[in-house]
Every structure is written in C-alpha cells, then in structure tokens.
N, C-alpha and C. Protein backbone atom coordinates (compact mmCIF):
# COMPACT_ATOMS: atom_id res chain seq x y z
N UNK A 1 160.23 218.07 105.00
CA UNK A 1 161.05 218.04 103.00
C UNK A 1 160.19 217.40 102.30
N UNK A 2 159.47 217.86 100.68
CA UNK A 2 158.95 216.74 100.09
C UNK A 2 159.91 215.94 99.52
N UNK A 3 159.13 214.63 99.59
CA UNK A 3 160.36 213.77 98.54
C UNK A 3 159.56 212.78 97.79
N UNK A 4 159.87 213.01 96.70
CA UNK A 4 159.22 212.50 95.19
C UNK A 4 159.92 211.59 94.69
N UNK A 5 159.08 210.69 93.90
CA UNK A 5 160.09 209.62 93.09
C UNK A 5 159.55 209.85 91.61
N UNK A 6 160.65 209.88 91.06
CA UNK A 6 160.29 210.48 89.47
C UNK A 6 161.01 209.32 88.52
N UNK A 7 160.66 209.15 87.20
CA UNK A 7 161.43 208.31 86.53
C UNK A 7 162.03 209.38 85.42
N UNK A 8 162.80 208.99 84.48
CA UNK A 8 163.30 209.40 83.15
C UNK A 8 162.35 210.57 82.55
N UNK A 9 162.32 211.22 82.00
CA UNK A 9 161.37 212.53 81.84
C UNK A 9 160.24 213.00 82.31
N UNK A 10 160.12 212.58 83.51
CA UNK A 10 158.67 213.22 84.53
C UNK A 10 159.68 213.90 85.12
N UNK A 11 158.56 215.03 85.56
CA UNK A 11 158.58 216.19 86.31
C UNK A 11 158.00 216.33 87.18
N UNK A 12 158.54 217.45 88.01
CA UNK A 12 157.27 218.33 89.14
C UNK A 12 157.53 219.78 88.65
N UNK A 13 156.29 220.40 89.23
CA UNK A 13 156.43 221.76 89.07
C UNK A 13 156.13 222.73 90.18
N UNK A 14 156.85 223.39 90.32
CA UNK A 14 156.22 224.66 91.69
C UNK A 14 156.30 225.74 91.03
N UNK A 15 155.22 226.32 91.85
CA UNK A 15 154.42 227.45 91.86
C UNK A 15 154.24 227.66 90.37
N UNK A 16 153.79 226.81 89.68
CA UNK A 16 153.11 227.29 88.30
C UNK A 16 153.60 227.89 87.32
N UNK A 17 155.42 227.94 87.78
CA UNK A 17 156.22 228.80 86.54
C UNK A 17 157.86 228.22 86.65
N UNK A 18 158.09 227.07 87.61
CA UNK A 18 159.26 226.30 87.56
C UNK A 18 158.89 225.01 87.01
N UNK A 19 159.81 224.34 86.52
CA UNK A 19 159.76 223.34 85.97
C UNK A 19 160.72 222.34 86.21
N UNK A 20 160.99 221.14 87.05
CA UNK A 20 162.10 220.14 87.18
C UNK A 20 161.49 219.23 86.02
N UNK A 21 162.65 218.87 85.63
CA UNK A 21 162.62 217.18 84.95
C UNK A 21 163.71 216.44 84.70
N UNK A 22 163.60 215.30 85.15
CA UNK A 22 164.21 214.24 85.03
C UNK A 22 165.15 214.01 83.63
N UNK A 23 166.35 214.59 83.60
CA UNK A 23 166.91 214.02 81.75
C UNK A 23 166.97 213.15 81.54
N UNK A 24 168.09 212.34 82.84
CA UNK A 24 168.81 211.51 82.65
C UNK A 24 169.11 210.74 83.84
N UNK A 25 169.22 209.39 83.93
CA UNK A 25 169.72 208.82 85.00
C UNK A 25 170.93 207.77 84.75
N UNK A 26 172.29 208.10 85.11
CA UNK A 26 173.36 207.31 84.80
C UNK A 26 174.12 206.58 86.19
N UNK A 27 173.77 205.52 86.32
CA UNK A 27 174.67 204.66 87.51
C UNK A 27 173.50 205.69 88.96
N UNK A 28 174.88 206.20 90.02
CA UNK A 28 174.59 206.98 91.08
C UNK A 28 173.68 208.43 90.83
N UNK A 29 173.96 208.63 89.44
CA UNK A 29 173.94 210.51 89.10
C UNK A 29 172.87 210.63 88.36
N UNK A 30 172.16 211.71 88.75
CA UNK A 30 170.76 212.02 87.98
C UNK A 30 170.96 213.69 87.62
N UNK A 31 170.59 213.66 86.22
CA UNK A 31 170.98 214.78 85.51
C UNK A 31 169.40 215.61 85.69
N UNK A 32 168.81 217.01 86.09
CA UNK A 32 168.28 217.34 85.96
C UNK A 32 167.94 218.92 84.92
N UNK A 33 166.83 218.77 84.55
CA UNK A 33 166.45 220.49 83.74
C UNK A 33 165.92 221.14 84.81
N UNK A 34 166.00 222.42 84.75
CA UNK A 34 165.50 223.37 85.29
C UNK A 34 164.92 224.62 84.13
N UNK A 35 163.55 224.40 84.32
CA UNK A 35 162.94 225.56 83.43
C UNK A 35 162.54 226.68 84.49
N UNK A 36 162.63 227.92 84.59
CA UNK A 36 162.10 228.45 85.46
C UNK A 36 162.27 230.41 84.49
N UNK A 37 161.71 230.83 84.84
CA UNK A 37 161.53 232.95 84.43
C UNK A 37 163.13 233.15 84.61
N UNK A 38 163.49 233.83 83.96
CA UNK A 38 164.75 234.34 83.77
C UNK A 38 165.12 235.07 85.63
N UNK A 39 164.14 235.78 85.94
CA UNK A 39 164.67 236.83 87.18
C UNK A 39 164.58 235.81 88.07
N UNK A 40 164.16 234.35 88.00
CA UNK A 40 164.21 233.11 89.04
C UNK A 40 166.18 232.75 88.69
N UNK A 41 166.63 233.34 90.17
CA UNK A 41 168.37 232.90 90.10
C UNK A 41 168.17 231.07 90.29
N UNK A 42 168.99 230.15 89.34
CA UNK A 42 169.04 228.96 89.55
C UNK A 42 170.06 228.61 89.81
N UNK A 43 170.79 227.80 90.77
CA UNK A 43 172.34 227.81 91.00
C UNK A 43 172.03 226.01 91.67
N UNK A 44 173.45 225.39 91.48
CA UNK A 44 173.45 224.41 92.45
C UNK A 44 173.68 224.70 93.87
N UNK A 45 173.59 224.44 94.91
CA UNK A 45 173.58 224.67 96.18
C UNK A 45 175.65 225.08 96.58
N UNK A 46 176.59 224.43 95.81
CA UNK A 46 177.90 224.96 96.21
C UNK A 46 178.15 226.11 95.34
N UNK A 47 177.70 226.71 94.23
CA UNK A 47 177.58 228.06 93.97
C UNK A 47 176.87 228.89 94.80
N UNK A 48 175.54 228.68 94.67
CA UNK A 48 174.71 229.46 95.66
C UNK A 48 175.68 229.34 97.45
N UNK A 49 175.87 228.81 97.64
CA UNK A 49 176.48 229.51 98.94
C UNK A 49 177.83 230.24 98.66
N UNK A 50 178.75 229.80 97.55
CA UNK A 50 179.85 230.60 97.53
C UNK A 50 179.62 232.01 97.03
N UNK A 51 178.21 232.46 96.65
CA UNK A 51 177.71 233.72 95.78
C UNK A 51 177.26 234.43 97.23
N UNK A 52 176.91 233.62 98.02
CA UNK A 52 176.29 234.20 99.45
C UNK A 52 177.58 234.25 100.48
N UNK A 53 178.85 233.73 100.38
CA UNK A 53 179.52 234.20 100.94
C UNK A 53 180.19 235.47 100.61
N UNK A 54 180.38 235.47 98.97
CA UNK A 54 181.15 236.63 98.59
C UNK A 54 180.07 237.91 98.64
N UNK A 55 178.57 237.86 98.97
CA UNK A 55 177.93 239.08 99.02
C UNK A 55 178.23 239.54 100.57
N UNK A 56 178.47 238.63 101.75
CA UNK A 56 178.38 238.55 103.10
C UNK A 56 179.84 239.19 103.25
N UNK A 57 180.64 238.72 102.46
CA UNK A 57 181.99 239.54 102.42
C UNK A 57 182.06 240.88 102.11
N UNK A 58 181.15 241.06 100.90
CA UNK A 58 181.20 242.72 100.33
C UNK A 58 180.64 243.46 101.10
N UNK A 59 179.56 242.93 102.01
CA UNK A 59 178.76 243.43 102.95
C UNK A 59 179.82 243.99 103.86
N UNK A 60 180.14 243.12 104.39
CA UNK A 60 181.39 243.81 105.79
C UNK A 60 182.68 244.29 105.48
N UNK A 61 182.49 244.48 104.29
CA UNK A 61 183.84 245.33 104.17
C UNK A 61 183.68 246.39 103.80
N UNK A 62 182.32 246.97 103.42
CA UNK A 62 181.94 248.29 102.80
C UNK A 62 181.28 248.82 104.07
N UNK A 63 181.85 250.09 104.18
CA UNK A 63 181.32 251.20 105.32
C UNK A 63 179.72 251.18 105.64
N UNK A 64 180.04 251.45 106.72
CA UNK A 64 178.23 251.68 107.58
C UNK A 64 177.97 252.91 106.45
N UNK A 65 176.31 252.98 105.98
CA UNK A 65 176.07 254.28 105.79
C UNK A 65 175.65 255.09 106.36
N UNK A 66 176.40 256.44 106.24
CA UNK A 66 175.74 257.24 107.20
C UNK A 66 174.68 258.16 107.10
N UNK A 67 173.69 259.03 108.04
CA UNK A 67 172.89 259.62 107.75
C UNK A 67 173.06 260.97 107.59
N UNK A 68 172.42 262.14 107.01
CA UNK A 68 172.60 263.20 107.54
C UNK A 68 171.08 264.01 108.24
N UNK A 69 170.08 263.06 108.48
CA UNK A 69 169.30 263.35 109.29
C UNK A 69 169.57 263.94 110.75
N UNK A 70 170.64 263.66 111.08
CA UNK A 70 171.30 263.77 112.61
C UNK A 70 172.26 265.72 112.51
N UNK A 71 172.08 265.83 111.48
CA UNK A 71 173.11 267.03 110.63
C UNK A 71 171.90 268.25 111.12
N UNK A 72 173.13 269.53 112.11
CA UNK A 72 172.92 270.64 112.37
C UNK A 72 172.26 271.90 110.93
N UNK A 73 171.16 272.07 111.15
CA UNK A 73 170.65 272.85 109.84
C UNK A 73 170.98 274.56 110.37
C-alpha cells in the first residue's frame, strides 16, 4: 500500500485519468473529490461491498446456462 500525505487542495493522480483531491479537512474527517472518466465506477467501500454482495446473490440465484453443443443432430 502506498501511503501519501496531502494537504487541503493537494491531489494525487492515478493512471493519467483519475485525480483525487483533498477538498476539506474537518477534525478527524477528510473530504475527497474524485475526478474520473464516466466509465470508471467510483464508490465508497461499503457501497461497493453491497453491490458485490447483490451481484453474487443474483449469480447464485440464476440458473446455470445450458449448452446445445451436446444435443443430438
């Protein structure tokens, strides 16, 4: 894990197209701004985990795909 120190209004850049900016520091909370292309999903970890659980639940409840390749001709 890379650990960086940043002050208010300072930023980091990831892969040329994602920028993380320290917007505000209030007590023990830091507000971050994320600039990323629209096709890059950005979520808080707890939201990401809920999405993952939902997707896994949907995959588990959907029937397994069947293949026609073994059907007699």
